[in-house]
Amino acid sequence: DGTDTTARVLGIVGIVVGAAGVAYGV
């Protein structure tokens, strides 16, 4: 369960960072 939760958090963080990068590029 802990591993699944960590993976989800990291996935969300990755999406946010990616979105921020795209917005900055635009």
PDB file of all heavy atoms in Angstrom:
ATOM      1  N   ASP A   1       0.835  -1.203   0.000  1.00  0.00           N
ATOM      2  CA  ASP A   1       0.000   0.000   0.000  1.00  0.00           C
ATOM      3  C   ASP A   1       0.863   1.244   0.000  1.00  0.00           C
ATOM      4  O   ASP A   1       0.590   2.226  -0.703  1.00  0.00           O
ATOM      5  CB  ASP A   1      -0.915  -0.001   1.228  1.00  0.00           C
ATOM      6  CG  ASP A   1      -1.947  -1.104   1.136  1.00  0.00           C
ATOM      7  OD1 ASP A   1      -2.153  -1.611   0.014  1.00  0.00           O
ATOM      8  OD2 ASP A   1      -2.543  -1.448   2.180  1.00  0.00           O
ATOM      9  N   GLY A   2       1.946   1.214   0.822  1.00  0.00           N
ATOM     10  CA  GLY A   2       2.838   2.371   0.899  1.00  0.00           C
ATOM     11  C   GLY A   2       3.499   2.632  -0.432  1.00  0.00           C
ATOM     12  O   GLY A   2       3.647   3.776  -0.862  1.00  0.00           O
ATOM     13  N   THR A   3       3.905   1.557  -1.092  1.00  0.00           N
ATOM     14  CA  THR A   3       4.549   1.706  -2.396  1.00  0.00           C
ATOM     15  C   THR A   3       3.597   2.298  -3.419  1.00  0.00           C
ATOM     16  O   THR A   3       3.962   3.186  -4.209  1.00  0.00           O
ATOM     17  CB  THR A   3       5.047   0.341  -2.893  1.00  0.00           C
ATOM     18  OG1 THR A   3       5.955  -0.181  -1.930  1.00  0.00           O
ATOM     19  CG2 THR A   3       5.767   0.461  -4.224  1.00  0.00           C
ATOM     20  N   ASP A   4       2.322   1.836  -3.404  1.00  0.00           N
ATOM     21  CA  ASP A   4       1.330   2.360  -4.340  1.00  0.00           C
ATOM     22  C   ASP A   4       1.089   3.847  -4.095  1.00  0.00           C
ATOM     23  O   ASP A   4       0.986   4.654  -5.037  1.00  0.00           O
ATOM     24  CB  ASP A   4       0.011   1.596  -4.191  1.00  0.00           C
ATOM     25  CG  ASP A   4       0.153   0.168  -4.690  1.00  0.00           C
ATOM     26  OD1 ASP A   4       1.133  -0.101  -5.403  1.00  0.00           O
ATOM     27  OD2 ASP A   4      -0.702  -0.658  -4.349  1.00  0.00           O
ATOM     28  N   THR A   5       0.980   4.231  -2.808  1.00  0.00           N
ATOM     29  CA  THR A   5       0.726   5.632  -2.473  1.00  0.00           C
ATOM     30  C   THR A   5       1.871   6.521  -2.931  1.00  0.00           C
ATOM     31  O   THR A   5       1.674   7.599  -3.506  1.00  0.00           O
ATOM     32  CB  THR A   5       0.532   5.782  -0.952  1.00  0.00           C
ATOM     33  OG1 THR A   5      -0.556   4.955  -0.547  1.00  0.00           O
ATOM     34  CG2 THR A   5       0.238   7.237  -0.579  1.00  0.00           C
ATOM     35  N   THR A   6       3.096   6.046  -2.650  1.00  0.00           N
ATOM     36  CA  THR A   6       4.282   6.819  -3.065  1.00  0.00           C
ATOM     37  C   THR A   6       4.321   7.003  -4.572  1.00  0.00           C
ATOM     38  O   THR A   6       4.618   8.084  -5.090  1.00  0.00           O
ATOM     39  CB  THR A   6       5.563   6.096  -2.609  1.00  0.00           C
ATOM     40  OG1 THR A   6       5.521   5.953  -1.197  1.00  0.00           O
ATOM     41  CG2 THR A   6       6.802   6.891  -2.986  1.00  0.00           C
ATOM     42  N   ALA A   7       4.001   5.926  -5.281  1.00  0.00           N
ATOM     43  CA  ALA A   7       4.014   5.990  -6.739  1.00  0.00           C
ATOM     44  C   ALA A   7       2.989   6.996  -7.254  1.00  0.00           C
ATOM     45  O   ALA A   7       3.244   7.767  -8.193  1.00  0.00           O
ATOM     46  CB  ALA A   7       3.741   4.611  -7.334  1.00  0.00           C
ATOM     47  N   ARG A   8       1.821   7.021  -6.617  1.00  0.00           N
ATOM     48  CA  ARG A   8       0.773   7.951  -7.044  1.00  0.00           C
ATOM     49  C   ARG A   8       1.201   9.402  -6.807  1.00  0.00           C
ATOM     50  O   ARG A   8       0.985  10.276  -7.644  1.00  0.00           O
ATOM     51  CB  ARG A   8      -0.525   7.655  -6.294  1.00  0.00           C
ATOM     52  CG  ARG A   8      -1.172   6.334  -6.714  1.00  0.00           C
ATOM     53  CD  ARG A   8      -2.324   5.993  -5.808  1.00  0.00           C
ATOM     54  NE  ARG A   8      -2.897   4.700  -6.155  1.00  0.00           N
ATOM     55  CZ  ARG A   8      -3.815   4.070  -5.424  1.00  0.00           C
ATOM     56  NH1 ARG A   8      -4.250   4.624  -4.297  1.00  0.00           N
ATOM     57  NH2 ARG A   8      -4.282   2.908  -5.814  1.00  0.00           N
ATOM     58  N   VAL A   9       1.771   9.632  -5.602  1.00  0.00           N
ATOM     59  CA  VAL A   9       2.218  11.002  -5.290  1.00  0.00           C
ATOM     60  C   VAL A   9       3.266  11.478  -6.277  1.00  0.00           C
ATOM     61  O   VAL A   9       3.221  12.598  -6.796  1.00  0.00           O
ATOM     62  CB  VAL A   9       2.768  11.055  -3.845  1.00  0.00           C
ATOM     63  CG1 VAL A   9       3.432  12.416  -3.575  1.00  0.00           C
ATOM     64  CG2 VAL A   9       1.649  10.804  -2.840  1.00  0.00           C
ATOM     65  N   LEU A  10       4.249  10.601  -6.535  1.00  0.00           N
ATOM     66  CA  LEU A  10       5.298  10.966  -7.475  1.00  0.00           C
ATOM     67  C   LEU A  10       4.730  11.212  -8.874  1.00  0.00           C
ATOM     68  O   LEU A  10       5.183  12.100  -9.613  1.00  0.00           O
ATOM     69  CB  LEU A  10       6.365   9.869  -7.536  1.00  0.00           C
ATOM     70  CG  LEU A  10       7.223   9.715  -6.268  1.00  0.00           C
ATOM     71  CD1 LEU A  10       8.157   8.515  -6.419  1.00  0.00           C
ATOM     72  CD2 LEU A  10       8.016  10.987  -5.999  1.00  0.00           C
ATOM     73  N   GLY A  11       3.719  10.420  -9.244  1.00  0.00           N
ATOM     74  CA  GLY A  11       3.098  10.605 -10.553  1.00  0.00           C
ATOM     75  C   GLY A  11       2.425  11.953 -10.658  1.00  0.00           C
ATOM     76  O   GLY A  11       2.534  12.674 -11.671  1.00  0.00           O
ATOM     77  N   ILE A  12       1.696  12.342  -9.591  1.00  0.00           N
ATOM     78  CA  ILE A  12       1.005  13.633  -9.595  1.00  0.00           C
ATOM     79  C   ILE A  12       2.005  14.771  -9.646  1.00  0.00           C
ATOM     80  O   ILE A  12       1.844  15.755 -10.393  1.00  0.00           O
ATOM     81  CB  ILE A  12       0.115  13.757  -8.345  1.00  0.00           C
ATOM     82  CG1 ILE A  12      -1.023  12.725  -8.422  1.00  0.00           C
ATOM     83  CG2 ILE A  12      -0.441  15.167  -8.207  1.00  0.00           C
ATOM     84  CD1 ILE A  12      -1.854  12.636  -7.173  1.00  0.00           C
ATOM     85  N   VAL A  13       3.082  14.634  -8.816  1.00  0.00           N
ATOM     86  CA  VAL A  13       4.121  15.668  -8.819  1.00  0.00           C
ATOM     87  C   VAL A  13       4.728  15.805 -10.207  1.00  0.00           C
ATOM     88  O   VAL A  13       4.988  16.897 -10.706  1.00  0.00           O
ATOM     89  CB  VAL A  13       5.212  15.331  -7.780  1.00  0.00           C
ATOM     90  CG1 VAL A  13       6.407  16.275  -7.941  1.00  0.00           C
ATOM     91  CG2 VAL A  13       4.646  15.441  -6.368  1.00  0.00           C
ATOM     92  N   GLY A  14       4.952  14.665 -10.857  1.00  0.00           N
ATOM     93  CA  GLY A  14       5.522  14.694 -12.200  1.00  0.00           C
ATOM     94  C   GLY A  14       4.618  15.402 -13.187  1.00  0.00           C
ATOM     95  O   GLY A  14       5.070  16.186 -14.040  1.00  0.00           O
ATOM     96  N   ILE A  15       3.318  15.148 -13.068  1.00  0.00           N
ATOM     97  CA  ILE A  15       2.353  15.796 -13.970  1.00  0.00           C
ATOM     98  C   ILE A  15       2.351  17.309 -13.742  1.00  0.00           C
ATOM     99  O   ILE A  15       2.354  18.109 -14.688  1.00  0.00           O
ATOM    100  CB  ILE A  15       0.939  15.226 -13.757  1.00  0.00           C
ATOM    101  CG1 ILE A  15       0.910  13.755 -14.221  1.00  0.00           C
ATOM    102  CG2 ILE A  15      -0.105  16.052 -14.497  1.00  0.00           C
ATOM    103  CD1 ILE A  15      -0.373  13.048 -13.881  1.00  0.00           C
ATOM    104  N   VAL A  16       2.338  17.722 -12.460  1.00  0.00           N
ATOM    105  CA  VAL A  16       2.329  19.146 -12.130  1.00  0.00           C
ATOM    106  C   VAL A  16       3.576  19.829 -12.664  1.00  0.00           C
ATOM    107  O   VAL A  16       3.526  20.907 -13.275  1.00  0.00           O
ATOM    108  CB  VAL A  16       2.216  19.343 -10.603  1.00  0.00           C
ATOM    109  CG1 VAL A  16       2.403  20.829 -10.237  1.00  0.00           C
ATOM    110  CG2 VAL A  16       0.871  18.846 -10.106  1.00  0.00           C
ATOM    111  N   VAL A  17       4.741  19.196 -12.414  1.00  0.00           N
ATOM    112  CA  VAL A  17       5.996  19.770 -12.895  1.00  0.00           C
ATOM    113  C   VAL A  17       5.992  19.864 -14.411  1.00  0.00           C
ATOM    114  O   VAL A  17       6.426  20.864 -15.014  1.00  0.00           O
ATOM    115  CB  VAL A  17       7.194  18.928 -12.404  1.00  0.00           C
ATOM    116  CG1 VAL A  17       8.488  19.402 -13.065  1.00  0.00           C
ATOM    117  CG2 VAL A  17       7.308  19.033 -10.894  1.00  0.00           C
ATOM    118  N   GLY A  18       5.492  18.802 -15.048  1.00  0.00           N
ATOM    119  CA  GLY A  18       5.440  18.811 -16.512  1.00  0.00           C
ATOM    120  C   GLY A  18       4.547  19.916 -17.037  1.00  0.00           C
ATOM    121  O   GLY A  18       4.875  20.633 -18.003  1.00  0.00           O
ATOM    122  N   ALA A  19       3.380  20.081 -16.389  1.00  0.00           N
ATOM    123  CA  ALA A  19       2.449  21.133 -16.808  1.00  0.00           C
ATOM    124  C   ALA A  19       3.061  22.508 -16.615  1.00  0.00           C
ATOM    125  O   ALA A  19       2.925  23.411 -17.455  1.00  0.00           O
ATOM    126  CB  ALA A  19       1.147  21.022 -16.005  1.00  0.00           C
ATOM    127  N   ALA A  20       3.766  22.663 -15.480  1.00  0.00           N
ATOM    128  CA  ALA A  20       4.421  23.950 -15.212  1.00  0.00           C
ATOM    129  C   ALA A  20       5.473  24.238 -16.267  1.00  0.00           C
ATOM    130  O   ALA A  20       5.635  25.370 -16.731  1.00  0.00           O
ATOM    131  CB  ALA A  20       5.041  23.940 -13.814  1.00  0.00           C
ATOM    132  N   GLY A  21       6.185  23.206 -16.668  1.00  0.00           N
ATOM    133  CA  GLY A  21       7.220  23.378 -17.693  1.00  0.00           C
ATOM    134  C   GLY A  21       6.613  23.789 -19.016  1.00  0.00           C
ATOM    135  O   GLY A  21       7.139  24.656 -19.730  1.00  0.00           O
ATOM    136  N   VAL A  22       5.504  23.170 -19.370  1.00  0.00           N
ATOM    137  CA  VAL A  22       4.832  23.511 -20.624  1.00  0.00           C
ATOM    138  C   VAL A  22       4.347  24.955 -20.595  1.00  0.00           C
ATOM    139  O   VAL A  22       4.491  25.734 -21.551  1.00  0.00           O
ATOM    140  CB  VAL A  22       3.660  22.549 -20.892  1.00  0.00           C
ATOM    141  CG1 VAL A  22       2.831  23.030 -22.082  1.00  0.00           C
ATOM    142  CG2 VAL A  22       4.186  21.135 -21.129  1.00  0.00           C
ATOM    143  N   ALA A  23       3.728  25.347 -19.468  1.00  0.00           N
ATOM    144  CA  ALA A  23       3.214  26.715 -19.338  1.00  0.00           C
ATOM    145  C   ALA A  23       4.346  27.723 -19.437  1.00  0.00           C
ATOM    146  O   ALA A  23       4.228  28.776 -20.093  1.00  0.00           O
ATOM    147  CB  ALA A  23       2.488  26.869 -17.995  1.00  0.00           C
ATOM    148  N   TYR A  24       5.452  27.436 -18.802  1.00  0.00           N
ATOM    149  CA  TYR A  24       6.610  28.335 -18.842  1.00  0.00           C
ATOM    150  C   TYR A  24       7.124  28.474 -20.275  1.00  0.00           C
ATOM    151  O   TYR A  24       7.472  29.553 -20.727  1.00  0.00           O
ATOM    152  CB  TYR A  24       7.706  27.805 -17.930  1.00  0.00           C
ATOM    153  CG  TYR A  24       8.966  28.648 -17.964  1.00  0.00           C
ATOM    154  CD1 TYR A  24       9.048  29.838 -17.251  1.00  0.00           C
ATOM    155  CD2 TYR A  24      10.061  28.237 -18.735  1.00  0.00           C
ATOM    156  CE1 TYR A  24      10.194  30.615 -17.294  1.00  0.00           C
ATOM    157  CE2 TYR A  24      11.215  29.013 -18.788  1.00  0.00           C
ATOM    158  CZ  TYR A  24      11.272  30.198 -18.044  1.00  0.00           C
ATOM    159  OH  TYR A  24      12.422  30.953 -18.100  1.00  0.00           O
ATOM    160  N   GLY A  25       7.144  27.306 -20.986  1.00  0.00           N
ATOM    161  CA  GLY A  25       7.611  27.342 -22.377  1.00  0.00           C
ATOM    162  C   GLY A  25       6.715  28.206 -23.250  1.00  0.00           C
ATOM    163  O   GLY A  25       7.177  28.961 -24.112  1.00  0.00           O
ATOM    164  N   VAL A  26       5.398  28.102 -23.042  1.00  0.00           N
ATOM    165  CA  VAL A  26       4.446  28.899 -23.833  1.00  0.00           C
ATOM    166  C   VAL A  26       4.636  30.391 -23.557  1.00  0.00           C
ATOM    167  O   VAL A  26       4.658  31.240 -24.477  1.00  0.00           O
ATOM    168  CB  VAL A  26       3.013  28.459 -23.523  1.00  0.00           C
ATOM    169  CG1 VAL A  26       2.009  29.416 -24.184  1.00  0.00           C
ATOM    170  CG2 VAL A  26       2.810  27.040 -24.005  1.00  0.00           C
TER     171      VAL A  26
END
